[in-house]
Every structure is written in C-alpha cells, then in structure tokens.
N, C-alpha and C. Protein backbone atom coordinates (compact mmCIF):
# COMPACT_ATOMS: atom_id res chain seq x y z
N MET A 1 -44.45 63.88 -28.72
CA MET A 1 -44.46 62.69 -27.88
C MET A 1 -44.27 63.10 -26.43
N SER A 2 -44.96 62.43 -25.57
CA SER A 2 -44.81 62.74 -24.16
C SER A 2 -43.58 62.02 -23.62
N ASN A 3 -43.12 62.47 -22.46
CA ASN A 3 -41.95 61.84 -21.82
C ASN A 3 -42.20 60.37 -21.52
N THR A 4 -43.42 60.03 -21.15
CA THR A 4 -43.75 58.64 -20.85
C THR A 4 -43.60 57.78 -22.10
N SER A 5 -44.09 58.27 -23.22
CA SER A 5 -43.98 57.52 -24.48
C SER A 5 -42.52 57.35 -24.89
N VAL A 6 -41.73 58.38 -24.71
CA VAL A 6 -40.31 58.31 -25.05
C VAL A 6 -39.62 57.28 -24.16
N ARG A 7 -39.90 57.31 -22.87
CA ARG A 7 -39.29 56.35 -21.94
C ARG A 7 -39.68 54.91 -22.30
N GLU A 8 -40.95 54.71 -22.62
CA GLU A 8 -41.40 53.37 -23.00
C GLU A 8 -40.72 52.91 -24.29
N THR A 9 -40.58 53.81 -25.24
CA THR A 9 -39.91 53.48 -26.50
C THR A 9 -38.45 53.14 -26.26
N VAL A 10 -37.77 53.93 -25.45
CA VAL A 10 -36.36 53.68 -25.13
C VAL A 10 -36.22 52.35 -24.39
N SER A 11 -37.11 52.08 -23.47
CA SER A 11 -37.09 50.82 -22.73
C SER A 11 -37.28 49.63 -23.67
N THR A 12 -38.23 49.77 -24.58
CA THR A 12 -38.48 48.71 -25.56
C THR A 12 -37.26 48.49 -26.44
N LEU A 13 -36.63 49.58 -26.87
CA LEU A 13 -35.43 49.47 -27.71
C LEU A 13 -34.29 48.79 -26.95
N ARG A 14 -34.13 49.10 -25.69
CA ARG A 14 -33.07 48.46 -24.88
C ARG A 14 -33.33 46.96 -24.74
N GLU A 15 -34.58 46.62 -24.47
CA GLU A 15 -34.93 45.20 -24.35
C GLU A 15 -34.69 44.47 -25.68
N SER A 16 -35.03 45.14 -26.77
CA SER A 16 -34.80 44.54 -28.09
C SER A 16 -33.31 44.35 -28.34
N ARG A 17 -32.51 45.34 -27.97
CA ARG A 17 -31.07 45.26 -28.15
C ARG A 17 -30.49 44.10 -27.33
N GLU A 18 -30.96 43.95 -26.09
CA GLU A 18 -30.50 42.84 -25.24
C GLU A 18 -30.90 41.49 -25.84
N ALA A 19 -32.12 41.42 -26.35
CA ALA A 19 -32.59 40.17 -26.96
C ALA A 19 -31.77 39.83 -28.20
N ILE A 20 -31.46 40.83 -29.00
CA ILE A 20 -30.63 40.61 -30.19
C ILE A 20 -29.24 40.14 -29.77
N HIS A 21 -28.68 40.76 -28.74
CA HIS A 21 -27.35 40.37 -28.25
C HIS A 21 -27.37 38.91 -27.78
N GLU A 22 -28.38 38.55 -26.99
CA GLU A 22 -28.50 37.17 -26.51
C GLU A 22 -28.69 36.19 -27.67
N GLY A 23 -29.45 36.61 -28.67
CA GLY A 23 -29.65 35.76 -29.85
C GLY A 23 -28.35 35.54 -30.60
N ARG A 24 -27.54 36.58 -30.73
CA ARG A 24 -26.25 36.44 -31.41
C ARG A 24 -25.32 35.49 -30.64
N ILE A 25 -25.35 35.59 -29.33
CA ILE A 25 -24.54 34.68 -28.51
C ILE A 25 -25.01 33.24 -28.72
N ALA A 26 -26.32 33.03 -28.72
CA ALA A 26 -26.87 31.68 -28.92
C ALA A 26 -26.49 31.14 -30.30
N ILE A 27 -26.53 31.98 -31.31
CA ILE A 27 -26.15 31.56 -32.66
C ILE A 27 -24.68 31.18 -32.70
N ALA A 28 -23.83 31.98 -32.07
CA ALA A 28 -22.39 31.68 -32.05
C ALA A 28 -22.12 30.35 -31.35
N GLU A 29 -22.79 30.12 -30.22
CA GLU A 29 -22.62 28.86 -29.50
C GLU A 29 -23.11 27.68 -30.35
N ALA A 30 -24.22 27.87 -31.04
CA ALA A 30 -24.75 26.80 -31.90
C ALA A 30 -23.79 26.50 -33.04
N ARG A 31 -23.17 27.53 -33.59
CA ARG A 31 -22.19 27.31 -34.67
C ARG A 31 -21.00 26.50 -34.18
N VAL A 32 -20.53 26.81 -32.97
CA VAL A 32 -19.40 26.06 -32.40
C VAL A 32 -19.78 24.60 -32.22
N GLU A 33 -20.96 24.35 -31.66
CA GLU A 33 -21.43 22.97 -31.45
C GLU A 33 -21.63 22.25 -32.78
N LEU A 34 -22.21 22.93 -33.75
CA LEU A 34 -22.42 22.33 -35.06
C LEU A 34 -21.09 21.96 -35.71
N ARG A 35 -20.10 22.84 -35.59
CA ARG A 35 -18.78 22.56 -36.16
C ARG A 35 -18.15 21.35 -35.47
N ALA A 36 -18.29 21.27 -34.17
CA ALA A 36 -17.74 20.13 -33.43
C ALA A 36 -18.42 18.83 -33.87
N ARG A 37 -19.74 18.86 -34.04
CA ARG A 37 -20.46 17.67 -34.49
C ARG A 37 -20.04 17.29 -35.91
N TYR A 38 -19.88 18.29 -36.77
CA TYR A 38 -19.44 18.03 -38.14
C TYR A 38 -18.05 17.40 -38.14
N ASP A 39 -17.14 17.94 -37.34
CA ASP A 39 -15.78 17.40 -37.27
C ASP A 39 -15.78 15.96 -36.78
N ARG A 40 -16.60 15.66 -35.76
CA ARG A 40 -16.70 14.28 -35.26
C ARG A 40 -17.23 13.35 -36.34
N ALA A 41 -18.25 13.80 -37.06
CA ALA A 41 -18.81 12.98 -38.13
C ALA A 41 -17.78 12.75 -39.24
N GLN A 42 -17.02 13.79 -39.56
CA GLN A 42 -16.00 13.66 -40.60
C GLN A 42 -14.91 12.68 -40.17
N ARG A 43 -14.50 12.74 -38.91
CA ARG A 43 -13.50 11.79 -38.41
C ARG A 43 -14.05 10.36 -38.47
N ARG A 44 -15.32 10.20 -38.17
CA ARG A 44 -15.95 8.88 -38.22
C ARG A 44 -15.94 8.35 -39.66
N ILE A 45 -16.26 9.21 -40.61
CA ILE A 45 -16.22 8.82 -42.02
C ILE A 45 -14.80 8.44 -42.43
N ASP A 46 -13.83 9.22 -41.98
CA ASP A 46 -12.42 8.91 -42.27
C ASP A 46 -12.03 7.55 -41.69
N ASP A 47 -12.49 7.25 -40.48
CA ASP A 47 -12.21 5.95 -39.87
C ASP A 47 -12.80 4.81 -40.71
N ILE A 48 -14.00 5.00 -41.18
CA ILE A 48 -14.64 3.98 -42.01
C ILE A 48 -13.89 3.81 -43.32
N ASP A 49 -13.47 4.93 -43.92
CA ASP A 49 -12.67 4.85 -45.15
C ASP A 49 -11.38 4.08 -44.91
N ARG A 50 -10.71 4.34 -43.78
CA ARG A 50 -9.48 3.61 -43.47
C ARG A 50 -9.76 2.13 -43.26
N ALA A 51 -10.88 1.81 -42.64
CA ALA A 51 -11.24 0.40 -42.45
C ALA A 51 -11.48 -0.28 -43.80
N LEU A 52 -12.16 0.41 -44.70
CA LEU A 52 -12.38 -0.16 -46.03
C LEU A 52 -11.07 -0.36 -46.78
N ASP A 53 -10.18 0.64 -46.70
CA ASP A 53 -8.86 0.51 -47.33
C ASP A 53 -8.11 -0.69 -46.76
N LEU A 54 -8.17 -0.85 -45.45
CA LEU A 54 -7.49 -1.96 -44.79
C LEU A 54 -8.04 -3.30 -45.30
N LEU A 55 -9.35 -3.40 -45.41
CA LEU A 55 -9.96 -4.63 -45.92
C LEU A 55 -9.56 -4.90 -47.37
N GLN A 56 -9.51 -3.84 -48.18
CA GLN A 56 -9.14 -4.02 -49.58
C GLN A 56 -7.67 -4.43 -49.72
N GLU A 57 -6.81 -3.85 -48.89
CA GLU A 57 -5.38 -4.14 -48.97
C GLU A 57 -5.05 -5.53 -48.44
N GLU A 58 -5.63 -5.90 -47.32
CA GLU A 58 -5.22 -7.13 -46.65
C GLU A 58 -6.19 -8.28 -46.84
N GLY A 59 -7.38 -8.01 -47.33
CA GLY A 59 -8.36 -9.06 -47.59
C GLY A 59 -8.64 -9.91 -46.37
N PRO A 60 -8.67 -11.23 -46.55
CA PRO A 60 -9.00 -12.11 -45.43
C PRO A 60 -7.92 -12.14 -44.34
N GLU A 61 -6.76 -11.59 -44.62
CA GLU A 61 -5.68 -11.55 -43.63
C GLU A 61 -5.75 -10.31 -42.73
N THR A 62 -6.83 -9.55 -42.84
CA THR A 62 -6.98 -8.32 -42.07
C THR A 62 -6.97 -8.61 -40.57
N ASP A 63 -6.22 -7.81 -39.84
CA ASP A 63 -6.18 -7.92 -38.38
C ASP A 63 -7.52 -7.39 -37.85
N LEU A 64 -8.32 -8.28 -37.30
CA LEU A 64 -9.65 -7.89 -36.85
C LEU A 64 -9.62 -6.87 -35.73
N ARG A 65 -8.61 -6.95 -34.86
CA ARG A 65 -8.52 -5.96 -33.77
C ARG A 65 -8.32 -4.57 -34.35
N GLU A 66 -7.47 -4.47 -35.36
CA GLU A 66 -7.24 -3.17 -35.99
C GLU A 66 -8.51 -2.69 -36.69
N LEU A 67 -9.16 -3.59 -37.40
CA LEU A 67 -10.39 -3.25 -38.11
C LEU A 67 -11.48 -2.79 -37.15
N PHE A 68 -11.71 -3.58 -36.09
CA PHE A 68 -12.73 -3.19 -35.12
C PHE A 68 -12.34 -1.93 -34.37
N GLY A 69 -11.05 -1.73 -34.18
CA GLY A 69 -10.59 -0.49 -33.55
C GLY A 69 -10.98 0.72 -34.37
N LEU A 70 -10.86 0.61 -35.69
CA LEU A 70 -11.27 1.71 -36.56
C LEU A 70 -12.78 1.90 -36.55
N LEU A 71 -13.50 0.79 -36.60
CA LEU A 71 -14.96 0.89 -36.67
C LEU A 71 -15.58 1.24 -35.33
N ASP A 72 -14.89 0.93 -34.24
CA ASP A 72 -15.41 1.21 -32.91
C ASP A 72 -15.06 2.62 -32.44
N SER A 73 -14.27 3.30 -33.22
CA SER A 73 -13.84 4.64 -32.85
C SER A 73 -15.04 5.56 -32.72
N ASP A 74 -14.99 6.46 -31.75
CA ASP A 74 -16.10 7.40 -31.54
C ASP A 74 -15.91 8.69 -32.30
N GLY A 75 -14.86 8.79 -33.10
CA GLY A 75 -14.62 10.01 -33.85
C GLY A 75 -13.88 11.07 -33.07
N GLU A 76 -13.62 10.83 -31.81
CA GLU A 76 -12.92 11.81 -30.98
C GLU A 76 -11.42 11.80 -31.24
N SER A 77 -10.88 10.63 -31.44
CA SER A 77 -9.44 10.50 -31.62
C SER A 77 -9.19 9.73 -32.91
N PRO A 78 -8.89 10.43 -34.00
CA PRO A 78 -8.78 9.76 -35.29
C PRO A 78 -7.66 8.74 -35.36
N GLU A 79 -6.66 8.86 -34.53
CA GLU A 79 -5.53 7.94 -34.59
C GLU A 79 -5.57 6.91 -33.47
N ARG A 80 -6.73 6.72 -32.85
CA ARG A 80 -6.85 5.79 -31.74
C ARG A 80 -6.53 4.38 -32.20
N ALA A 81 -5.72 3.71 -31.43
CA ALA A 81 -5.36 2.33 -31.72
C ALA A 81 -5.98 1.42 -30.67
N VAL A 82 -6.02 0.15 -30.96
CA VAL A 82 -6.53 -0.82 -29.99
C VAL A 82 -5.67 -0.72 -28.74
N GLY A 83 -6.31 -0.70 -27.59
CA GLY A 83 -5.59 -0.61 -26.33
C GLY A 83 -5.48 0.80 -25.79
N ASP A 84 -5.98 1.79 -26.53
CA ASP A 84 -5.90 3.17 -26.05
C ASP A 84 -6.95 3.50 -25.01
N ARG A 85 -8.01 2.73 -24.95
CA ARG A 85 -9.04 2.99 -23.94
C ARG A 85 -8.58 2.39 -22.63
N PRO A 86 -8.88 3.04 -21.51
CA PRO A 86 -8.43 2.53 -20.22
C PRO A 86 -8.96 1.14 -19.90
N ASP A 87 -10.15 0.80 -20.38
CA ASP A 87 -10.75 -0.49 -20.05
C ASP A 87 -10.46 -1.55 -21.10
N GLU A 88 -9.55 -1.25 -22.02
CA GLU A 88 -9.28 -2.15 -23.13
C GLU A 88 -7.84 -2.62 -23.07
N GLU A 89 -7.65 -3.91 -23.11
CA GLU A 89 -6.30 -4.46 -23.08
C GLU A 89 -5.98 -5.10 -24.42
N VAL A 90 -4.74 -4.98 -24.80
CA VAL A 90 -4.28 -5.64 -26.00
C VAL A 90 -3.87 -7.04 -25.60
N GLY A 91 -4.18 -7.98 -26.40
CA GLY A 91 -3.81 -9.36 -26.09
C GLY A 91 -4.92 -10.28 -26.51
N GLU A 92 -5.19 -11.24 -25.67
CA GLU A 92 -6.21 -12.23 -26.00
C GLU A 92 -7.60 -11.60 -25.98
N ALA A 93 -8.45 -12.12 -26.83
CA ALA A 93 -9.83 -11.66 -26.85
C ALA A 93 -10.53 -12.11 -25.58
N PRO A 94 -11.51 -11.35 -25.11
CA PRO A 94 -12.22 -11.76 -23.90
C PRO A 94 -12.96 -13.07 -24.12
N ALA A 95 -13.05 -13.85 -23.07
CA ALA A 95 -13.72 -15.14 -23.16
C ALA A 95 -15.22 -14.93 -23.31
N ILE A 96 -15.82 -15.78 -24.10
CA ILE A 96 -17.27 -15.73 -24.29
C ILE A 96 -17.89 -16.57 -23.18
N PRO A 97 -18.80 -15.98 -22.39
CA PRO A 97 -19.39 -16.74 -21.28
C PRO A 97 -20.19 -17.93 -21.80
N SER A 98 -20.08 -19.04 -21.10
CA SER A 98 -20.84 -20.23 -21.49
C SER A 98 -22.22 -20.17 -20.85
N ARG A 99 -23.16 -20.83 -21.48
CA ARG A 99 -24.54 -20.80 -20.97
C ARG A 99 -24.81 -21.93 -20.06
C-alpha cells in the first residue's frame, strides 16, 4: 500500500470513529428523553387511576376540584393539588361569562 492509501484509510477510520462516537451520544440522549417521556406518561396513568379510585370511593359526593385536579395534572408533579399552579386559586369557581 502506498502512503497516500494508508493516510486515506486512517482518515476514513478516524471519521468513522467520530461518527460512531456522535451516534452513541445521540442514542444516550434519546434514551434519557424516552425515559422522561415514559415517566411522565406513567405519572399521568397513576393520576387517572387515583381519579377513578376517588370516584369509586366517594361516588356522587366526589369533590370535583380534587377530581379535576387529578385529571388536569400534566404528569410533572404526581402530588399536585388544586391551587398549586400560580394562576390557580382555591375557592369559588370562576364565573361563566354571560352572552
């Protein structure tokens, strides 16, 4: 093999190694994101299960604010209660605008 061929082969191998390294980094990042999405989905399922349990336990006497709080949860905070959002106040329900 000539020196030029060896240099080209070495250069190609280095580029391949860099591409493999970048691919591994991308795969690791994708795994982290996938795990985060899975965890959020699982928390959402848990919230729905808690809402169903609440409905079964309390029936028509269910506190709707608590129920909607569970169903409105974004899965980020599994123990979020009504009033935990900055724009949400506990108390009277907002007035429905008249037409």
